[in-house]
Structure formats: structure tokens, C-alpha cells
Protein backbone atom coordinates (compact mmCIF):
# COMPACT_ATOMS: atom_id res chain seq x y z
CA MET A 1 43.92 111.40 67.56
CA LYS A 2 44.84 111.46 71.23
CA LYS A 3 45.05 107.65 71.24
CA MET A 4 47.37 107.69 68.24
CA ALA A 5 49.69 110.21 69.95
CA CYS A 6 49.84 108.00 73.06
CA VAL A 7 50.62 104.91 70.98
CA LEU A 8 53.36 106.75 69.08
CA ALA A 9 54.86 108.10 72.31
CA LEU A 10 54.85 104.61 73.83
CA LEU A 11 56.40 103.14 70.68
CA PHE A 12 59.13 105.82 70.75
CA ILE A 13 59.96 105.06 74.39
CA VAL A 14 60.15 101.32 73.74
CA LEU A 15 62.35 101.77 70.68
CA THR A 16 64.76 104.18 72.31
CA ALA A 17 64.98 102.76 75.82
CA GLY A 18 63.47 99.31 76.07
CA CYS A 19 65.67 97.61 73.50
CA THR A 20 68.98 99.24 74.27
CA ILE A 21 72.08 97.32 73.29
CA ASN A 22 75.02 98.42 75.48
CA HIS A 23 78.53 98.60 74.04
CA PRO A 24 81.23 99.26 76.67
CA VAL A 25 84.06 100.03 74.24
CA ALA A 26 86.95 99.82 76.74
CA ILE A 27 86.55 96.01 76.73
CA ASP A 28 88.03 95.94 73.22
CA TYR A 29 90.76 98.54 73.76
CA ASP A 30 93.59 96.07 74.42
CA ARG A 31 92.89 94.46 71.03
CA HIS A 32 92.69 97.91 69.42
CA LEU A 33 96.09 98.84 70.89
CA ALA A 34 97.59 95.56 69.68
CA ASN A 35 96.38 96.33 66.15
CA TYR A 36 97.06 100.07 65.99
CA GLY A 37 99.45 101.03 68.81
CA ALA A 38 102.59 100.48 66.74
CA GLU A 39 101.31 103.00 64.16
CA THR A 40 101.86 105.82 66.65
CA VAL A 41 105.28 107.33 67.29
CA LEU A 42 105.46 109.99 69.97
CA SER A 43 108.31 112.40 70.59
CA HIS A 44 110.77 111.29 73.27
CA THR A 45 111.56 112.70 76.69
CA GLU A 46 114.06 111.49 79.27
CA LEU A 47 111.55 112.16 82.07
CA ASP A 48 111.41 109.35 84.63
CA ALA A 49 108.08 109.42 86.42
CA GLU A 50 105.24 107.54 87.99
CA TYR A 51 101.71 108.39 86.92
CA PHE A 52 98.46 108.70 88.81
CA ILE A 53 94.94 108.88 87.37
CA ALA A 54 92.50 110.89 89.49
CA ASP A 55 89.63 108.89 91.03
CA GLU A 56 86.88 110.68 89.08
CA THR A 57 88.79 109.98 85.88
CA LYS A 58 89.25 106.30 86.82
CA ASN A 59 85.51 105.96 87.37
CA HIS A 60 84.46 108.08 84.39
CA SER A 61 81.69 106.76 82.15
CA TYR A 62 80.37 108.65 79.13
CA GLN A 63 77.39 107.32 77.17
CA PHE A 64 76.10 108.34 73.75
CA ARG A 65 73.95 107.20 70.88
CA ALA A 66 74.68 107.77 67.20
CA GLY A 67 71.95 108.07 64.59
CA SER A 68 74.33 106.76 61.92
CA VAL A 69 74.37 103.32 63.56
CA GLY A 70 70.90 103.23 65.13
CA TYR A 71 69.51 104.64 68.35
CA ALA A 72 69.01 101.20 69.89
CA HIS A 73 72.77 101.11 70.49
CA LEU A 74 74.29 102.81 73.55
CA TRP A 75 78.06 103.36 73.42
CA ILE A 76 79.82 103.55 76.78
CA VAL A 77 83.30 105.11 77.00
CA GLU A 78 85.15 104.51 80.27
CA PHE A 79 87.89 107.07 79.72
CA GLY A 80 89.99 106.17 82.78
CA LYS A 81 90.37 102.56 81.64
CA ILE A 82 91.33 103.67 78.13
CA LEU A 83 93.84 106.23 79.44
CA ASP A 84 95.44 103.69 81.79
CA GLN A 85 95.85 101.14 79.00
CA THR A 86 97.26 103.85 76.72
CA LEU A 87 99.86 104.89 79.31
CA SER A 88 100.92 101.24 79.67
CA ALA A 89 101.18 100.69 75.90
CA ASP A 90 104.63 100.08 74.41
CA TYR A 91 104.57 103.18 72.19
CA VAL A 92 103.89 105.45 75.20
CA GLN A 93 106.35 103.63 77.47
CA SER A 94 109.13 104.05 74.89
CA ALA A 95 108.44 107.81 74.71
CA PHE A 96 109.53 108.31 78.34
CA GLY A 97 112.76 107.61 80.20
CA LYS A 98 110.56 105.62 82.56
CA LEU A 99 106.82 105.71 83.16
CA LYS A 100 105.01 103.43 85.59
CA LYS A 101 101.85 103.44 87.64
CA SER A 102 102.28 105.22 90.95
CA GLU A 103 103.36 103.17 93.93
CA GLY A 104 103.79 106.23 96.16
CA GLY A 105 107.51 106.66 95.63
CA ALA A 106 109.49 109.89 95.69
CA GLY A 107 110.50 111.71 92.52
CA ASN A 108 108.34 112.82 89.62
CA LEU A 109 104.63 112.11 89.61
CA ILE A 110 102.39 112.88 86.63
CA GLU A 111 98.73 113.36 87.57
CA PHE A 112 96.02 113.01 84.93
CA GLU A 113 92.56 114.45 85.54
CA LEU A 114 89.82 114.39 82.92
CA GLU A 115 87.93 117.66 82.74
CA ASP A 116 85.65 116.81 79.82
CA PHE A 117 85.04 114.11 77.24
CA GLU A 118 82.45 114.00 74.46
CA PHE A 119 81.89 111.98 71.33
CA LYS A 120 80.02 114.07 68.79
CA ASN A 121 80.37 115.08 65.14
CA TYR A 122 81.86 111.61 64.55
CA ARG A 123 84.87 112.26 66.80
CA ALA A 124 86.16 112.35 70.38
CA TYR A 125 86.77 115.64 72.17
CA THR A 126 89.01 115.44 75.24
CA THR A 127 89.99 118.02 77.86
CA LEU A 128 92.66 116.65 80.20
CA ASN A 129 94.58 118.39 82.98
CA ILE A 130 98.13 117.18 83.53
CA LYS A 131 100.24 118.10 86.54
CA VAL A 132 103.82 117.14 87.27
CA LEU A 133 104.91 117.03 90.89
CA ASN A 134 108.44 116.51 92.11
CA SER A 135 108.64 115.34 95.73
CA ASN A 136 105.07 116.63 96.23
CA THR A 137 105.89 120.11 94.84
CA GLU A 138 103.97 121.07 91.71
CA ILE A 139 106.38 122.00 88.91
CA PHE A 140 103.96 121.92 85.95
CA ASN A 141 100.20 122.26 85.45
CA LYS A 142 98.39 122.60 82.12
CA THR A 143 95.00 121.76 80.68
CA TYR A 144 95.09 120.27 77.18
CA ARG A 145 92.23 120.13 74.68
CA SER A 146 92.24 117.81 71.70
CA GLU A 147 89.97 116.13 69.23
CA GLY A 148 90.46 112.84 67.50
CA GLY A 149 90.01 112.32 63.80
CA ALA A 150 86.50 112.20 62.36
CA GLN A 151 85.24 108.64 61.88
CA GLY A 152 82.01 109.36 59.99
CA GLY A 153 82.90 107.22 56.98
CA GLN A 154 83.66 104.19 59.14
CA MET A 155 80.47 104.72 61.16
CA TRP A 156 78.17 105.10 58.14
CA VAL A 157 79.67 102.24 56.13
CA GLY A 158 80.29 99.76 58.95
CA GLY A 159 77.32 100.59 61.16
CA PRO A 160 77.30 99.13 64.68
CA PHE A 161 80.01 96.64 63.74
CA ALA A 162 82.52 99.44 63.06
CA MET A 163 81.33 101.85 65.75
CA THR A 164 83.46 100.42 68.56
CA ASN A 165 86.60 100.73 66.44
CA ALA A 166 85.63 104.24 65.33
CA THR A 167 85.08 105.34 68.94
CA LEU A 168 88.34 103.82 70.15
CA LYS A 169 90.34 105.18 67.22
CA SER A 170 89.19 108.76 67.67
CA THR A 171 89.54 108.57 71.48
CA LYS A 172 93.08 107.19 71.16
CA GLN A 173 93.97 109.92 68.66
CA SER A 174 92.74 112.62 71.05
CA ILE A 175 94.83 111.14 73.89
CA ASP A 176 97.89 110.77 71.62
CA ASN A 177 97.62 114.42 70.56
CA ILE A 178 97.61 115.47 74.22
CA LEU A 179 100.54 113.21 75.10
CA GLU A 180 102.55 114.58 72.18
CA GLU A 181 101.90 118.17 73.28
CA PHE A 182 102.71 117.27 76.90
CA ILE A 183 106.02 115.62 75.95
CA ASN A 184 106.95 118.70 73.91
CA ASP A 185 106.16 120.88 76.94
CA VAL A 186 108.25 118.61 79.20
CA ASN A 187 111.20 118.98 76.83
CA SER A 188 110.83 122.73 76.23
CA LYS A 189 110.51 123.44 79.96
CA ASN A 190 113.34 121.02 80.74
CA LEU A 191 111.22 119.16 83.31
CA ALA A 192 113.25 115.96 82.89
CA SER A 193 116.12 117.68 84.68
CA SER A 194 113.95 118.22 87.77
CA GLU A 195 114.46 114.65 88.96
């Protein structure tokens, strides 16, 4: 009996760790944006700004397994890379008067700092702090929480082949929800006139 328990424990370890197939989903995000970016229309603001992604957010890596597609697969979400590509996407660029990656200039600077990210219950959950500084003086600071749409159907039907798309779709939706709320805050607080 003791031998059987040892064999089963060893088999479990080999199946869950030894044969892991890594899926860094950010690699496919440019293709995902090309296919689905035009579907998103954000509100518009006249805010001209540069943006900066905090170092911890740039280097963020979240890993998870999903029973619906098999525990041998390990999904890796590098949120900073996904956020940076989202901010550079045409549909986000057209929502702002001007938005470009920070080069250290004067004027408005939008800082993005990830506080939490999870993928569970078939969807992405994102908590993101956004600050707006004007000439190094903070004029806005808010933490946003959002969840992307549930992708359970896609995950169960498509298995590992659809999992990357499901992860990217829900993550993008959670970011888009935050950007929409942020733009509405910028407009309601008249931050675009702080330039």
C-alpha cells in the first residue's frame, strides 16, 4: 500500500511538473490586436500625454493552469507587454489627443502600475493604478478594478488551441474597461485642460 502511494505521488509530480508545456501568451498579442483591435471603440479625450509603465508592471509575469485544457499546459501572462502593445494600438491612440511612450518630456505623463492580475473563473481580473502628472505634479490618482468577459465556452470547446486567444481576449477586455473608465474620468475632471 505504501509502495502504491509512492508510485502515485511520483506519477502525479511527473504529470503536473515534468511535462509542462509553456505558453507565453504575449507573443501572440500583436496578431490578436490586428484581428480584434478594430472591434473596440473607446470614448475620446483631447488629453495630450506621454505614458510610463512602472518597472514592476513591465516585468510582471503571471502563470496559471486550467483544468479545462489540461494541467500539462502552463499559461504565462506578461501583463506589461500586453499593456504596452494595447496603449500603442490604433484604437487606443485615436481615443487620445496624443499618447506616446514617455521620453522624459514636460507636460502630462500618465503612469500605469499593476496592483493585481489573475486569470480564474475563465476570465481575467485586473487592478491597475493610473496617475496623471503635469510637470511632475500629481493631478489625478485612481485605482481601477475590472474583469474581462468569461471565456469558458471557448476554453472547453477549443482546448489548448483556443486558450491563448481566450486569455488574450479577456485580458484585453479588462484593460479596455479600465481605459474607458479612465477616459471618462479625464473628461469629467477636465484633465485635458491641465496641459
